[in-house]
């Protein structure tokens, strides 16, 4: 399960939808989560994605979320979008993100451009493979390989320092990645979907932000989650609620039981605080 956040809310919501269409459980994260809720939500996630507009820049609004993900050892991606002739390149964006997020963010994919300098795909720095929005991949090209090696080798040096391959180190949360995303062509989404960490099971069922404030998401813990009465816990606050409906997030269908690690839209009455842990009442 991945958290998607950034200053450009429309772009973050667009990416959330595109990732779900690619089979990734993606959750759009608001900027105003209280710290206890943010801690719980980050603990339930496998990765975080911070969108960075090359044209508008980045500030420290999501620094706390980023640091929580880092402390938990989650995979972290800065997604550079709005690239064009008059905006920053990915390496410059990665350098800015490193200063804002107080952590080295390493260039991992570069944009492939058409004759009008629009982004039509991405080039994987680690493998030199090309990824395109229609789902096709192309093998490395010698001219690209030489250019990439001349432009950046920091990713390989950092991966060697932690004793892992570049992509494994990113998935395991040991390194943070800067990757290209294009909201017009969809370039980069398929690369992301193919390089995310495997889904883990959170320590407890957790209430997550949903697309509708009245219908949050639930990430099921080791015991799964089912319809019926339950107790939600956030810090020292508890609340008795009833789960009256569960709907699969990727293939919408009503279900009565969530297996461990699954995520679903839920109707809870009354609506509990985000980040609450859910415990079934016998």
C-alpha atoms as a PDB file:
ATOM      1  CA  UNK A   1       0.000   0.000   0.000  1.00  0.00           C
ATOM      2  CA  UNK A   2       1.467   3.364  -1.033  1.00  0.00           C
ATOM      3  CA  UNK A   3       0.802   6.866   0.273  1.00  0.00           C
ATOM      4  CA  UNK A   4       0.605   9.601  -2.382  1.00  0.00           C
ATOM      5  CA  UNK A   5       1.047  13.235  -1.322  1.00  0.00           C
ATOM      6  CA  UNK A   6       2.286  16.590  -2.567  1.00  0.00           C
ATOM      7  CA  UNK A   7       1.582  20.302  -2.865  1.00  0.00           C
ATOM      8  CA  UNK A   8      -0.275  19.812  -6.177  1.00  0.00           C
ATOM      9  CA  UNK A   9      -3.376  18.060  -4.881  1.00  0.00           C
ATOM     10  CA  UNK A  10      -4.836  17.472  -8.343  1.00  0.00           C
ATOM     11  CA  UNK A  11      -1.677  15.704  -9.512  1.00  0.00           C
ATOM     12  CA  UNK A  12      -1.622  13.570  -6.344  1.00  0.00           C
ATOM     13  CA  UNK A  13      -5.235  12.497  -6.891  1.00  0.00           C
ATOM     14  CA  UNK A  14      -4.517  11.771 -10.566  1.00  0.00           C
ATOM     15  CA  UNK A  15      -1.575   9.545  -9.643  1.00  0.00           C
ATOM     16  CA  UNK A  16      -3.635   7.761  -6.992  1.00  0.00           C
ATOM     17  CA  UNK A  17      -6.211   6.825  -9.631  1.00  0.00           C
ATOM     18  CA  UNK A  18      -3.579   5.788 -12.186  1.00  0.00           C
ATOM     19  CA  UNK A  19      -1.775   3.573  -9.689  1.00  0.00           C
ATOM     20  CA  UNK A  20      -5.020   1.869  -8.740  1.00  0.00           C
ATOM     21  CA  UNK A  21      -5.727   1.252 -12.423  1.00  0.00           C
ATOM     22  CA  UNK A  22      -2.295  -0.414 -12.574  1.00  0.00           C
ATOM     23  CA  UNK A  23      -3.225  -2.710  -9.656  1.00  0.00           C
ATOM     24  CA  UNK A  24      -1.456  -0.769  -6.884  1.00  0.00           C
ATOM     25  CA  UNK A  25      -3.276  -0.031  -3.620  1.00  0.00           C
ATOM     26  CA  UNK A  26      -2.751   3.740  -3.454  1.00  0.00           C
ATOM     27  CA  UNK A  27      -4.021   6.166  -0.794  1.00  0.00           C
ATOM     28  CA  UNK A  28      -4.123   9.941  -1.239  1.00  0.00           C
ATOM     29  CA  UNK A  29      -2.755  11.579   1.917  1.00  0.00           C
ATOM     30  CA  UNK A  30      -3.962  15.001   3.117  1.00  0.00           C
ATOM     31  CA  UNK A  31      -1.385  17.468   4.485  1.00  0.00           C
ATOM     32  CA  UNK A  32      -3.070  18.099   7.825  1.00  0.00           C
ATOM     33  CA  UNK A  33      -2.956  14.699   9.571  1.00  0.00           C
ATOM     34  CA  UNK A  34      -2.241  15.043  13.317  1.00  0.00           C
ATOM     35  CA  UNK A  35       0.999  13.375  14.402  1.00  0.00           C
ATOM     36  CA  UNK A  36      -0.557  10.294  16.115  1.00  0.00           C
ATOM     37  CA  UNK A  37      -2.689   9.637  13.022  1.00  0.00           C
ATOM     38  CA  UNK A  38       0.278  10.150  10.694  1.00  0.00           C
ATOM     39  CA  UNK A  39       2.391   7.696  12.699  1.00  0.00           C
ATOM     40  CA  UNK A  40      -0.284   5.023  12.440  1.00  0.00           C
ATOM     41  CA  UNK A  41      -0.952   5.606   8.733  1.00  0.00           C
ATOM     42  CA  UNK A  42       2.771   5.509   7.858  1.00  0.00           C
ATOM     43  CA  UNK A  43       3.188   2.291   9.850  1.00  0.00           C
ATOM     44  CA  UNK A  44       0.459   0.683   7.713  1.00  0.00           C
ATOM     45  CA  UNK A  45       2.098   1.729   4.411  1.00  0.00           C
ATOM     46  CA  UNK A  46       4.758   0.037   2.297  1.00  0.00           C
ATOM     47  CA  UNK A  47       5.918   3.159   0.455  1.00  0.00           C
ATOM     48  CA  UNK A  48       5.471   6.925   0.245  1.00  0.00           C
ATOM     49  CA  UNK A  49       5.376   9.056  -2.927  1.00  0.00           C
ATOM     50  CA  UNK A  50       6.037  12.791  -2.670  1.00  0.00           C
ATOM     51  CA  UNK A  51       5.063  14.650  -5.857  1.00  0.00           C
ATOM     52  CA  UNK A  52       7.361  17.517  -6.797  1.00  0.00           C
ATOM     53  CA  UNK A  53       6.372  19.961  -9.537  1.00  0.00           C
ATOM     54  CA  UNK A  54       9.514  21.008 -11.419  1.00  0.00           C
ATOM     55  CA  UNK A  55       7.757  24.262 -12.264  1.00  0.00           C
ATOM     56  CA  UNK A  56       6.492  25.115  -8.772  1.00  0.00           C
ATOM     57  CA  UNK A  57       9.041  23.554  -6.454  1.00  0.00           C
ATOM     58  CA  UNK A  58       8.768  21.926  -3.018  1.00  0.00           C
ATOM     59  CA  UNK A  59       8.559  23.051   0.587  1.00  0.00           C
ATOM     60  CA  UNK A  60       8.730  21.263   3.921  1.00  0.00           C
ATOM     61  CA  UNK A  61       5.002  20.705   4.397  1.00  0.00           C
ATOM     62  CA  UNK A  62       5.334  16.936   4.172  1.00  0.00           C
ATOM     63  CA  UNK A  63       8.732  16.661   5.862  1.00  0.00           C
ATOM     64  CA  UNK A  64       7.263  15.023   8.958  1.00  0.00           C
ATOM     65  CA  UNK A  65       5.477  12.372   6.859  1.00  0.00           C
ATOM     66  CA  UNK A  66       8.675  11.705   4.914  1.00  0.00           C
ATOM     67  CA  UNK A  67      10.697  11.320   8.111  1.00  0.00           C
ATOM     68  CA  UNK A  68       8.126   8.964   9.617  1.00  0.00           C
ATOM     69  CA  UNK A  69       8.374   6.775   6.517  1.00  0.00           C
ATOM     70  CA  UNK A  70      12.182   6.862   6.717  1.00  0.00           C
ATOM     71  CA  UNK A  71      12.195   5.941  10.414  1.00  0.00           C
ATOM     72  CA  UNK A  72       9.895   3.009   9.656  1.00  0.00           C
ATOM     73  CA  UNK A  73      12.189   1.829   6.846  1.00  0.00           C
ATOM     74  CA  UNK A  74       9.587   2.322   4.122  1.00  0.00           C
ATOM     75  CA  UNK A  75      10.375   2.874   0.449  1.00  0.00           C
ATOM     76  CA  UNK A  76      10.363   6.593  -0.496  1.00  0.00           C
ATOM     77  CA  UNK A  77      10.017   8.197  -3.910  1.00  0.00           C
ATOM     78  CA  UNK A  78      10.111  11.829  -5.037  1.00  0.00           C
ATOM     79  CA  UNK A  79       8.054  11.992  -8.231  1.00  0.00           C
ATOM     80  CA  UNK A  80       9.230  14.833 -10.443  1.00  0.00           C
ATOM     81  CA  UNK A  81       6.521  16.082 -12.802  1.00  0.00           C
ATOM     82  CA  UNK A  82       5.854  19.209 -14.902  1.00  0.00           C
ATOM     83  CA  UNK A  83       9.169  18.735 -16.668  1.00  0.00           C
ATOM     84  CA  UNK A  84       9.690  20.751 -19.821  1.00  0.00           C
ATOM     85  CA  UNK A  85      12.082  22.986 -21.725  1.00  0.00           C
ATOM     86  CA  UNK A  86      11.774  25.835 -19.227  1.00  0.00           C
ATOM     87  CA  UNK A  87      11.771  23.794 -15.996  1.00  0.00           C
ATOM     88  CA  UNK A  88      14.341  21.978 -13.901  1.00  0.00           C
ATOM     89  CA  UNK A  89      15.839  18.668 -14.939  1.00  0.00           C
ATOM     90  CA  UNK A  90      15.456  15.620 -12.712  1.00  0.00           C
ATOM     91  CA  UNK A  91      18.958  15.842 -11.236  1.00  0.00           C
ATOM     92  CA  UNK A  92      18.399  19.457 -10.182  1.00  0.00           C
ATOM     93  CA  UNK A  93      15.011  18.523  -8.732  1.00  0.00           C
ATOM     94  CA  UNK A  94      16.604  15.656  -6.789  1.00  0.00           C
ATOM     95  CA  UNK A  95      19.173  18.054  -5.337  1.00  0.00           C
ATOM     96  CA  UNK A  96      16.425  20.444  -4.170  1.00  0.00           C
ATOM     97  CA  UNK A  97      14.384  17.586  -2.726  1.00  0.00           C
ATOM     98  CA  UNK A  98      17.464  16.387  -0.839  1.00  0.00           C
ATOM     99  CA  UNK A  99      17.777  19.775   0.860  1.00  0.00           C
ATOM    100  CA  UNK A 100      14.065  20.076   1.676  1.00  0.00           C
ATOM    101  CA  UNK A 101      13.653  16.488   2.904  1.00  0.00           C
ATOM    102  CA  UNK A 102      17.024  16.404   4.708  1.00  0.00           C
ATOM    103  CA  UNK A 103      18.030  13.153   3.014  1.00  0.00           C
ATOM    104  CA  UNK A 104      19.885  12.252  -0.167  1.00  0.00           C
ATOM    105  CA  UNK A 105      17.334  11.665  -2.929  1.00  0.00           C
ATOM    106  CA  UNK A 106      18.983   9.822  -5.823  1.00  0.00           C
ATOM    107  CA  UNK A 107      18.041  10.081  -9.492  1.00  0.00           C
ATOM    108  CA  UNK A 108      16.622   6.699 -10.526  1.00  0.00           C
ATOM    109  CA  UNK A 109      14.744   7.383 -13.777  1.00  0.00           C
ATOM    110  CA  UNK A 110      15.290  10.054 -16.417  1.00  0.00           C
ATOM    111  CA  UNK A 111      12.744  11.425 -18.909  1.00  0.00           C
ATOM    112  CA  UNK A 112      12.644  10.351 -22.537  1.00  0.00           C
ATOM    113  CA  UNK A 113      11.583  13.275 -24.725  1.00  0.00           C
ATOM    114  CA  UNK A 114       9.965  13.647 -28.138  1.00  0.00           C
ATOM    115  CA  UNK A 115      10.935  16.285 -30.701  1.00  0.00           C
ATOM    116  CA  UNK A 116       8.795  18.879 -28.885  1.00  0.00           C
ATOM    117  CA  UNK A 117      10.499  18.020 -25.570  1.00  0.00           C
ATOM    118  CA  UNK A 118       7.399  16.385 -24.151  1.00  0.00           C
ATOM    119  CA  UNK A 119       7.936  13.413 -21.820  1.00  0.00           C
ATOM    120  CA  UNK A 120       7.005  10.212 -23.641  1.00  0.00           C
ATOM    121  CA  UNK A 121       8.685   7.650 -21.405  1.00  0.00           C
ATOM    122  CA  UNK A 122      11.333   7.090 -18.749  1.00  0.00           C
ATOM    123  CA  UNK A 123      14.821   5.617 -18.758  1.00  0.00           C
ATOM    124  CA  UNK A 124      15.796   3.417 -15.800  1.00  0.00           C
ATOM    125  CA  UNK A 125      19.223   4.575 -14.581  1.00  0.00           C
ATOM    126  CA  UNK A 126      19.966   1.174 -13.045  1.00  0.00           C
ATOM    127  CA  UNK A 127      19.098  -1.078 -15.994  1.00  0.00           C
ATOM    128  CA  UNK A 128      19.075   1.480 -18.871  1.00  0.00           C
ATOM    129  CA  UNK A 129      15.716   0.009 -19.973  1.00  0.00           C
ATOM    130  CA  UNK A 130      13.095   2.310 -21.471  1.00  0.00           C
ATOM    131  CA  UNK A 131       9.517   2.313 -20.152  1.00  0.00           C
ATOM    132  CA  UNK A 132       6.585   3.771 -22.109  1.00  0.00           C
ATOM    133  CA  UNK A 133       3.000   4.629 -21.066  1.00  0.00           C
ATOM    134  CA  UNK A 134       1.495   1.909 -23.299  1.00  0.00           C
ATOM    135  CA  UNK A 135       3.220  -0.691 -21.124  1.00  0.00           C
ATOM    136  CA  UNK A 136       6.022  -1.515 -23.541  1.00  0.00           C
ATOM    137  CA  UNK A 137       9.674  -1.793 -22.482  1.00  0.00           C
ATOM    138  CA  UNK A 138      12.686  -1.477 -24.740  1.00  0.00           C
ATOM    139  CA  UNK A 139      16.215  -2.726 -24.193  1.00  0.00           C
ATOM    140  CA  UNK A 140      19.098  -0.383 -23.364  1.00  0.00           C
ATOM    141  CA  UNK A 141      20.594   1.730 -26.146  1.00  0.00           C
ATOM    142  CA  UNK A 142      24.343   2.271 -26.249  1.00  0.00           C
ATOM    143  CA  UNK A 143      24.013   6.018 -26.801  1.00  0.00           C
ATOM    144  CA  UNK A 144      21.681   6.342 -23.801  1.00  0.00           C
ATOM    145  CA  UNK A 145      23.955   4.186 -21.627  1.00  0.00           C
ATOM    146  CA  UNK A 146      26.956   6.398 -22.262  1.00  0.00           C
ATOM    147  CA  UNK A 147      24.941   9.551 -21.542  1.00  0.00           C
ATOM    148  CA  UNK A 148      23.475   8.178 -18.309  1.00  0.00           C
ATOM    149  CA  UNK A 149      26.850   6.987 -17.020  1.00  0.00           C
ATOM    150  CA  UNK A 150      28.347  10.407 -17.682  1.00  0.00           C
ATOM    151  CA  UNK A 151      25.446  12.199 -16.012  1.00  0.00           C
ATOM    152  CA  UNK A 152      24.993  10.199 -12.825  1.00  0.00           C
ATOM    153  CA  UNK A 153      26.678   7.303 -11.042  1.00  0.00           C
ATOM    154  CA  UNK A 154      25.712   8.377  -7.512  1.00  0.00           C
ATOM    155  CA  UNK A 155      22.924   5.797  -7.333  1.00  0.00           C
ATOM    156  CA  UNK A 156      25.363   2.914  -7.826  1.00  0.00           C
ATOM    157  CA  UNK A 157      27.841   4.294  -5.308  1.00  0.00           C
ATOM    158  CA  UNK A 158      25.099   4.697  -2.689  1.00  0.00           C
ATOM    159  CA  UNK A 159      23.756   1.192  -3.339  1.00  0.00           C
ATOM    160  CA  UNK A 160      27.260  -0.294  -3.025  1.00  0.00           C
ATOM    161  CA  UNK A 161      27.621   1.478   0.332  1.00  0.00           C
ATOM    162  CA  UNK A 162      24.568  -0.356   1.743  1.00  0.00           C
ATOM    163  CA  UNK A 163      25.498  -3.661   0.109  1.00  0.00           C
ATOM    164  CA  UNK A 164      22.513  -4.014  -2.207  1.00  0.00           C
ATOM    165  CA  UNK A 165      21.498  -3.466  -5.807  1.00  0.00           C
ATOM    166  CA  UNK A 166      19.976  -0.026  -6.507  1.00  0.00           C
ATOM    167  CA  UNK A 167      16.376  -1.175  -6.866  1.00  0.00           C
ATOM    168  CA  UNK A 168      16.541  -3.549  -3.899  1.00  0.00           C
ATOM    169  CA  UNK A 169      17.992  -0.771  -1.727  1.00  0.00           C
ATOM    170  CA  UNK A 170      15.123   1.539  -2.740  1.00  0.00           C
ATOM    171  CA  UNK A 171      12.416  -1.082  -2.143  1.00  0.00           C
ATOM    172  CA  UNK A 172      13.917  -1.868   1.261  1.00  0.00           C
ATOM    173  CA  UNK A 173      13.881   1.815   2.267  1.00  0.00           C
ATOM    174  CA  UNK A 174      17.667   2.141   2.466  1.00  0.00           C
ATOM    175  CA  UNK A 175      17.782   4.749  -0.323  1.00  0.00           C
ATOM    176  CA  UNK A 176      15.323   7.394  -1.507  1.00  0.00           C
ATOM    177  CA  UNK A 177      14.612   7.707  -5.233  1.00  0.00           C
ATOM    178  CA  UNK A 178      13.840  10.611  -7.562  1.00  0.00           C
ATOM    179  CA  UNK A 179      11.814   9.416 -10.553  1.00  0.00           C
ATOM    180  CA  UNK A 180      10.092  11.036 -13.518  1.00  0.00           C
ATOM    181  CA  UNK A 181       6.293  11.175 -13.776  1.00  0.00           C
ATOM    182  CA  UNK A 182       4.304  12.933 -16.507  1.00  0.00           C
ATOM    183  CA  UNK A 183       0.661  13.784 -15.853  1.00  0.00           C
ATOM    184  CA  UNK A 184      -0.056  14.325 -19.556  1.00  0.00           C
ATOM    185  CA  UNK A 185       1.335  11.152 -21.125  1.00  0.00           C
ATOM    186  CA  UNK A 186       1.279   8.960 -18.007  1.00  0.00           C
ATOM    187  CA  UNK A 187       4.985   8.218 -18.457  1.00  0.00           C
ATOM    188  CA  UNK A 188       6.606   6.672 -15.383  1.00  0.00           C
ATOM    189  CA  UNK A 189       3.491   5.131 -13.825  1.00  0.00           C
ATOM    190  CA  UNK A 190       4.203   1.671 -15.200  1.00  0.00           C
ATOM    191  CA  UNK A 191       7.806   1.884 -13.977  1.00  0.00           C
ATOM    192  CA  UNK A 192       6.574   2.718 -10.484  1.00  0.00           C
ATOM    193  CA  UNK A 193       4.033  -0.101 -10.482  1.00  0.00           C
ATOM    194  CA  UNK A 194       6.770  -2.563 -11.459  1.00  0.00           C
ATOM    195  CA  UNK A 195       9.318  -1.439  -8.848  1.00  0.00           C
ATOM    196  CA  UNK A 196       7.330  -1.118  -5.616  1.00  0.00           C
ATOM    197  CA  UNK A 197       7.994  -3.284  -2.543  1.00  0.00           C
ATOM    198  CA  UNK A 198       5.789  -6.285  -1.872  1.00  0.00           C
ATOM    199  CA  UNK A 199       2.728  -5.722   0.311  1.00  0.00           C
ATOM    200  CA  UNK A 200       3.334  -6.283   4.009  1.00  0.00           C
ATOM    201  CA  UNK A 201       0.772  -6.829   6.742  1.00  0.00           C
ATOM    202  CA  UNK A 202       0.473  -3.907   9.192  1.00  0.00           C
ATOM    203  CA  UNK A 203       0.598  -4.598  12.920  1.00  0.00           C
ATOM    204  CA  UNK A 204      -3.102  -3.750  13.282  1.00  0.00           C
ATOM    205  CA  UNK A 205      -6.086  -2.873  11.122  1.00  0.00           C
ATOM    206  CA  UNK A 206      -5.802   0.866  10.443  1.00  0.00           C
ATOM    207  CA  UNK A 207      -8.249   3.560   9.317  1.00  0.00           C
ATOM    208  CA  UNK A 208      -6.782   5.395   6.299  1.00  0.00           C
ATOM    209  CA  UNK A 209      -7.860   8.475   4.315  1.00  0.00           C
ATOM    210  CA  UNK A 210     -10.452   7.610   1.666  1.00  0.00           C
ATOM    211  CA  UNK A 211     -11.780   9.299  -1.439  1.00  0.00           C
ATOM    212  CA  UNK A 212     -14.897  10.241   0.550  1.00  0.00           C
ATOM    213  CA  UNK A 213     -14.572  11.693   4.061  1.00  0.00           C
ATOM    214  CA  UNK A 214     -17.593   9.628   5.101  1.00  0.00           C
ATOM    215  CA  UNK A 215     -16.084   6.406   3.774  1.00  0.00           C
ATOM    216  CA  UNK A 216     -12.458   5.910   4.879  1.00  0.00           C
ATOM    217  CA  UNK A 217     -10.258   2.980   3.927  1.00  0.00           C
ATOM    218  CA  UNK A 218      -9.244   0.120   6.192  1.00  0.00           C
ATOM    219  CA  UNK A 219      -5.933  -1.740   5.893  1.00  0.00           C
ATOM    220  CA  UNK A 220      -6.465  -5.122   7.531  1.00  0.00           C
ATOM    221  CA  UNK A 221      -3.974  -6.325  10.147  1.00  0.00           C
ATOM    222  CA  UNK A 222      -2.906  -9.910  10.922  1.00  0.00           C
ATOM    223  CA  UNK A 223      -6.422 -10.931  11.995  1.00  0.00           C
ATOM    224  CA  UNK A 224      -8.105  -9.501   8.912  1.00  0.00           C
ATOM    225  CA  UNK A 225     -11.228  -7.382   9.249  1.00  0.00           C
ATOM    226  CA  UNK A 226     -14.940  -8.212   9.059  1.00  0.00           C
ATOM    227  CA  UNK A 227     -18.343  -6.592   9.167  1.00  0.00           C
ATOM    228  CA  UNK A 228     -19.748  -5.939  12.603  1.00  0.00           C
ATOM    229  CA  UNK A 229     -19.084  -3.994  15.813  1.00  0.00           C
ATOM    230  CA  UNK A 230     -15.524  -2.974  16.637  1.00  0.00           C
ATOM    231  CA  UNK A 231     -13.485  -0.678  18.849  1.00  0.00           C
ATOM    232  CA  UNK A 232     -11.217   1.984  17.358  1.00  0.00           C
ATOM    233  CA  UNK A 233      -8.167   3.189  19.287  1.00  0.00           C
ATOM    234  CA  UNK A 234      -6.062   6.288  18.666  1.00  0.00           C
ATOM    235  CA  UNK A 235      -3.649   7.060  21.481  1.00  0.00           C
ATOM    236  CA  UNK A 236      -5.744   6.936  24.646  1.00  0.00           C
ATOM    237  CA  UNK A 237      -9.041   7.656  22.839  1.00  0.00           C
ATOM    238  CA  UNK A 238     -11.414   4.796  22.092  1.00  0.00           C
ATOM    239  CA  UNK A 239     -14.722   4.662  20.238  1.00  0.00           C
ATOM    240  CA  UNK A 240     -17.234   1.903  19.556  1.00  0.00           C
ATOM    241  CA  UNK A 241     -18.201   1.795  15.896  1.00  0.00           C
ATOM    242  CA  UNK A 242     -19.896  -0.588  13.487  1.00  0.00           C
ATOM    243  CA  UNK A 243     -18.496  -1.665  10.127  1.00  0.00           C
ATOM    244  CA  UNK A 244     -21.585  -1.943   7.943  1.00  0.00           C
ATOM    245  CA  UNK A 245     -19.969  -2.316   4.497  1.00  0.00           C
ATOM    246  CA  UNK A 246     -16.600  -3.165   2.954  1.00  0.00           C
ATOM    247  CA  UNK A 247     -15.823  -2.581  -0.718  1.00  0.00           C
ATOM    248  CA  UNK A 248     -12.692  -3.867  -2.491  1.00  0.00           C
ATOM    249  CA  UNK A 249     -10.524  -0.918  -3.503  1.00  0.00           C
ATOM    250  CA  UNK A 250      -9.168  -2.245  -6.808  1.00  0.00           C
ATOM    251  CA  UNK A 251     -12.098  -4.343  -8.050  1.00  0.00           C
ATOM    252  CA  UNK A 252     -15.158  -2.735  -6.410  1.00  0.00           C
ATOM    253  CA  UNK A 253     -17.306  -5.463  -4.932  1.00  0.00           C
ATOM    254  CA  UNK A 254     -18.927  -5.780  -1.550  1.00  0.00           C
ATOM    255  CA  UNK A 255     -17.173  -8.218   0.779  1.00  0.00           C
ATOM    256  CA  UNK A 256     -17.869  -9.320   4.337  1.00  0.00           C
ATOM    257  CA  UNK A 257     -14.324 -10.308   5.294  1.00  0.00           C
ATOM    258  CA  UNK A 258     -10.918  -8.743   4.501  1.00  0.00           C
ATOM    259  CA  UNK A 259      -7.871 -11.026   4.573  1.00  0.00           C
ATOM    260  CA  UNK A 260      -4.721  -9.858   6.346  1.00  0.00           C
ATOM    261  CA  UNK A 261      -3.037  -7.008   4.462  1.00  0.00           C
ATOM    262  CA  UNK A 262      -6.010  -6.227   2.218  1.00  0.00           C
ATOM    263  CA  UNK A 263      -7.341  -2.683   1.870  1.00  0.00           C
ATOM    264  CA  UNK A 264     -10.994  -1.763   1.332  1.00  0.00           C
ATOM    265  CA  UNK A 265     -13.297   1.213   1.425  1.00  0.00           C
ATOM    266  CA  UNK A 266     -15.409   0.932   4.564  1.00  0.00           C
ATOM    267  CA  UNK A 267     -18.595   2.400   5.895  1.00  0.00           C
ATOM    268  CA  UNK A 268     -18.148   2.886   9.634  1.00  0.00           C
ATOM    269  CA  UNK A 269     -20.804   4.417  11.858  1.00  0.00           C
ATOM    270  CA  UNK A 270     -19.842   6.786  13.343  1.00  0.00           C
ATOM    271  CA  UNK A 271     -16.773   7.688  11.258  1.00  0.00           C
ATOM    272  CA  UNK A 272     -13.631   7.244  13.423  1.00  0.00           C
ATOM    273  CA  UNK A 273     -10.489   9.397  13.379  1.00  0.00           C
ATOM    274  CA  UNK A 274      -7.930   8.668  10.686  1.00  0.00           C
ATOM    275  CA  UNK A 275      -5.076   6.517  11.924  1.00  0.00           C
ATOM    276  CA  UNK A 276      -7.260   4.677  14.431  1.00  0.00           C
ATOM    277  CA  UNK A 277      -6.558   1.012  15.053  1.00  0.00           C
ATOM    278  CA  UNK A 278      -9.567  -1.261  14.609  1.00  0.00           C
ATOM    279  CA  UNK A 279     -10.203  -4.152  17.000  1.00  0.00           C
ATOM    280  CA  UNK A 280     -13.138  -6.532  16.503  1.00  0.00           C
ATOM    281  CA  UNK A 281     -15.535  -6.884  19.437  1.00  0.00           C
ATOM    282  CA  UNK A 282     -16.459 -10.478  20.247  1.00  0.00           C
END
